[in-house]
Amino acid sequence: MSPNGKNFQFLDCGGIGLNGTAIPGEKVLFTNNSNFLTVHVDIPLSLSAHQSPIMDVMLGPKNRNNLGNIFLYLGGYGFTEIKVQTSGIPYR
């Protein structure tokens, strides 16, 4: 709680889009993941699949997501040509 009685809210810094327009920051969210807080930002996928700057998704070697789940998520937005793979390079 802040001193004025309102909850704090975290936002990412936003950025500049491909066409030069300013993109506002998204709300930073927290999820309980095996008794640890995981920070994430829900980024809306509002571009069509043909306009997407996303070409591939590389999951870290310890990422527990199933590749099929990533394909299903992206495919639900029409992104069917994105390469999804797990990195074989271990963390140091």
C-alpha atoms as a PDB file:
ATOM      1  CA  MET A   1       0.000   0.000   0.000  1.00  0.00           C
ATOM      2  CA  SER A   2       1.180   3.477  -0.753  1.00  0.00           C
ATOM      3  CA  PRO A   3       0.935   6.249   1.814  1.00  0.00           C
ATOM      4  CA  ASN A   4      -2.236   7.562   0.177  1.00  0.00           C
ATOM      5  CA  GLY A   5      -3.980   4.177   0.618  1.00  0.00           C
ATOM      6  CA  LYS A   6      -3.761   3.059  -3.016  1.00  0.00           C
ATOM      7  CA  ASN A   7      -2.013  -0.080  -4.250  1.00  0.00           C
ATOM      8  CA  PHE A   8       1.257   0.259  -6.092  1.00  0.00           C
ATOM      9  CA  GLN A   9       1.272  -0.818  -9.728  1.00  0.00           C
ATOM     10  CA  PHE A  10       4.362  -1.659 -11.735  1.00  0.00           C
ATOM     11  CA  LEU A  11       4.559  -0.971 -15.485  1.00  0.00           C
ATOM     12  CA  ASP A  12       7.238  -1.898 -17.952  1.00  0.00           C
ATOM     13  CA  CYS A  13       8.777   1.047 -19.791  1.00  0.00           C
ATOM     14  CA  GLY A  14       6.982   0.553 -23.124  1.00  0.00           C
ATOM     15  CA  GLY A  15       8.808   1.304 -26.340  1.00  0.00           C
ATOM     16  CA  ILE A  16       8.595   2.358 -29.947  1.00  0.00           C
ATOM     17  CA  GLY A  17       6.708   0.277 -32.537  1.00  0.00           C
ATOM     18  CA  LEU A  18       7.972  -0.704 -35.975  1.00  0.00           C
ATOM     19  CA  ASN A  19       6.167   2.263 -37.514  1.00  0.00           C
ATOM     20  CA  GLY A  20       7.637   4.697 -34.962  1.00  0.00           C
ATOM     21  CA  THR A  21       4.547   5.008 -32.756  1.00  0.00           C
ATOM     22  CA  ALA A  22       4.961   5.034 -28.999  1.00  0.00           C
ATOM     23  CA  ILE A  23       3.796   1.867 -27.234  1.00  0.00           C
ATOM     24  CA  PRO A  24       2.621   2.333 -23.640  1.00  0.00           C
ATOM     25  CA  GLY A  25       4.007   0.154 -20.870  1.00  0.00           C
ATOM     26  CA  GLU A  26       2.137  -2.996 -19.861  1.00  0.00           C
ATOM     27  CA  LYS A  27       1.195  -3.853 -16.286  1.00  0.00           C
ATOM     28  CA  VAL A  28       3.750  -6.104 -14.563  1.00  0.00           C
ATOM     29  CA  LEU A  29       2.025  -9.176 -13.107  1.00  0.00           C
ATOM     30  CA  PHE A  30       3.103 -11.797 -10.583  1.00  0.00           C
ATOM     31  CA  THR A  31       2.333 -15.525 -10.514  1.00  0.00           C
ATOM     32  CA  ASN A  32       3.034 -18.058  -7.754  1.00  0.00           C
ATOM     33  CA  ASN A  33       5.211 -20.742  -9.326  1.00  0.00           C
ATOM     34  CA  SER A  34       6.224 -23.550  -6.927  1.00  0.00           C
ATOM     35  CA  ASN A  35       6.199 -21.163  -3.947  1.00  0.00           C
ATOM     36  CA  PHE A  36       8.237 -18.536  -5.815  1.00  0.00           C
ATOM     37  CA  LEU A  37       6.925 -15.350  -7.368  1.00  0.00           C
ATOM     38  CA  THR A  38       7.416 -15.214 -11.118  1.00  0.00           C
ATOM     39  CA  VAL A  39       7.197 -11.807 -12.778  1.00  0.00           C
ATOM     40  CA  HIS A  40       5.611 -11.569 -16.212  1.00  0.00           C
ATOM     41  CA  VAL A  41       4.091  -9.088 -18.619  1.00  0.00           C
ATOM     42  CA  ASP A  42       1.129 -10.087 -20.766  1.00  0.00           C
ATOM     43  CA  ILE A  43       1.991  -8.715 -24.187  1.00  0.00           C
ATOM     44  CA  PRO A  44      -1.019  -8.526 -26.492  1.00  0.00           C
ATOM     45  CA  LEU A  45      -0.509 -10.097 -29.909  1.00  0.00           C
ATOM     46  CA  SER A  46      -2.568  -7.670 -31.948  1.00  0.00           C
ATOM     47  CA  LEU A  47      -0.626  -7.795 -35.216  1.00  0.00           C
ATOM     48  CA  SER A  48      -1.599 -10.183 -37.948  1.00  0.00           C
ATOM     49  CA  ALA A  49       0.732 -13.153 -38.400  1.00  0.00           C
ATOM     50  CA  HIS A  50       2.064 -11.599 -41.631  1.00  0.00           C
ATOM     51  CA  GLN A  51       3.070  -8.368 -39.828  1.00  0.00           C
ATOM     52  CA  SER A  52       4.720 -10.056 -36.847  1.00  0.00           C
ATOM     53  CA  PRO A  53       8.304  -9.177 -35.956  1.00  0.00           C
ATOM     54  CA  ILE A  54       8.516 -12.584 -34.181  1.00  0.00           C
ATOM     55  CA  MET A  55      10.460 -15.065 -36.314  1.00  0.00           C
ATOM     56  CA  ASP A  56      11.384 -17.682 -33.739  1.00  0.00           C
ATOM     57  CA  VAL A  57      11.021 -18.490 -30.041  1.00  0.00           C
ATOM     58  CA  MET A  58      13.951 -19.966 -28.143  1.00  0.00           C
ATOM     59  CA  LEU A  59      13.177 -21.567 -24.781  1.00  0.00           C
ATOM     60  CA  GLY A  60      15.929 -21.786 -22.178  1.00  0.00           C
ATOM     61  CA  PRO A  61      17.329 -25.247 -21.384  1.00  0.00           C
ATOM     62  CA  LYS A  62      15.554 -25.352 -18.009  1.00  0.00           C
ATOM     63  CA  ASN A  63      12.211 -24.047 -19.313  1.00  0.00           C
ATOM     64  CA  ARG A  64       9.507 -26.581 -18.430  1.00  0.00           C
ATOM     65  CA  ASN A  65       6.990 -25.547 -21.099  1.00  0.00           C
ATOM     66  CA  ASN A  66       6.054 -28.185 -23.622  1.00  0.00           C
ATOM     67  CA  LEU A  67       6.890 -26.994 -27.155  1.00  0.00           C
ATOM     68  CA  GLY A  68       3.409 -28.083 -28.265  1.00  0.00           C
ATOM     69  CA  ASN A  69       1.831 -25.655 -25.801  1.00  0.00           C
ATOM     70  CA  ILE A  70       3.840 -22.792 -27.299  1.00  0.00           C
ATOM     71  CA  PHE A  71       2.759 -23.822 -30.820  1.00  0.00           C
ATOM     72  CA  LEU A  72      -0.889 -23.980 -29.706  1.00  0.00           C
ATOM     73  CA  TYR A  73      -0.720 -20.561 -28.047  1.00  0.00           C
ATOM     74  CA  LEU A  74       0.897 -18.894 -31.062  1.00  0.00           C
ATOM     75  CA  GLY A  75      -1.353 -20.778 -33.505  1.00  0.00           C
ATOM     76  CA  GLY A  76      -4.426 -19.462 -31.681  1.00  0.00           C
ATOM     77  CA  TYR A  77      -3.352 -15.985 -32.801  1.00  0.00           C
ATOM     78  CA  GLY A  78      -2.598 -17.116 -36.367  1.00  0.00           C
ATOM     79  CA  PHE A  79       1.161 -17.354 -35.876  1.00  0.00           C
ATOM     80  CA  THR A  80       1.814 -20.714 -37.535  1.00  0.00           C
ATOM     81  CA  GLU A  81       5.150 -20.060 -39.261  1.00  0.00           C
ATOM     82  CA  ILE A  82       7.204 -19.270 -36.139  1.00  0.00           C
ATOM     83  CA  LYS A  83      10.066 -21.638 -35.328  1.00  0.00           C
ATOM     84  CA  VAL A  84       9.941 -22.818 -31.671  1.00  0.00           C
ATOM     85  CA  GLN A  85      12.842 -24.714 -30.134  1.00  0.00           C
ATOM     86  CA  THR A  86      14.689 -25.392 -26.896  1.00  0.00           C
ATOM     87  CA  SER A  87      18.222 -24.103 -26.490  1.00  0.00           C
ATOM     88  CA  GLY A  88      20.867 -26.770 -26.122  1.00  0.00           C
ATOM     89  CA  ILE A  89      23.305 -24.307 -24.551  1.00  0.00           C
ATOM     90  CA  PRO A  90      23.437 -24.782 -20.750  1.00  0.00           C
ATOM     91  CA  TYR A  91      23.393 -21.882 -18.323  1.00  0.00           C
ATOM     92  CA  ARG A  92      26.696 -21.032 -16.707  1.00  0.00           C
END
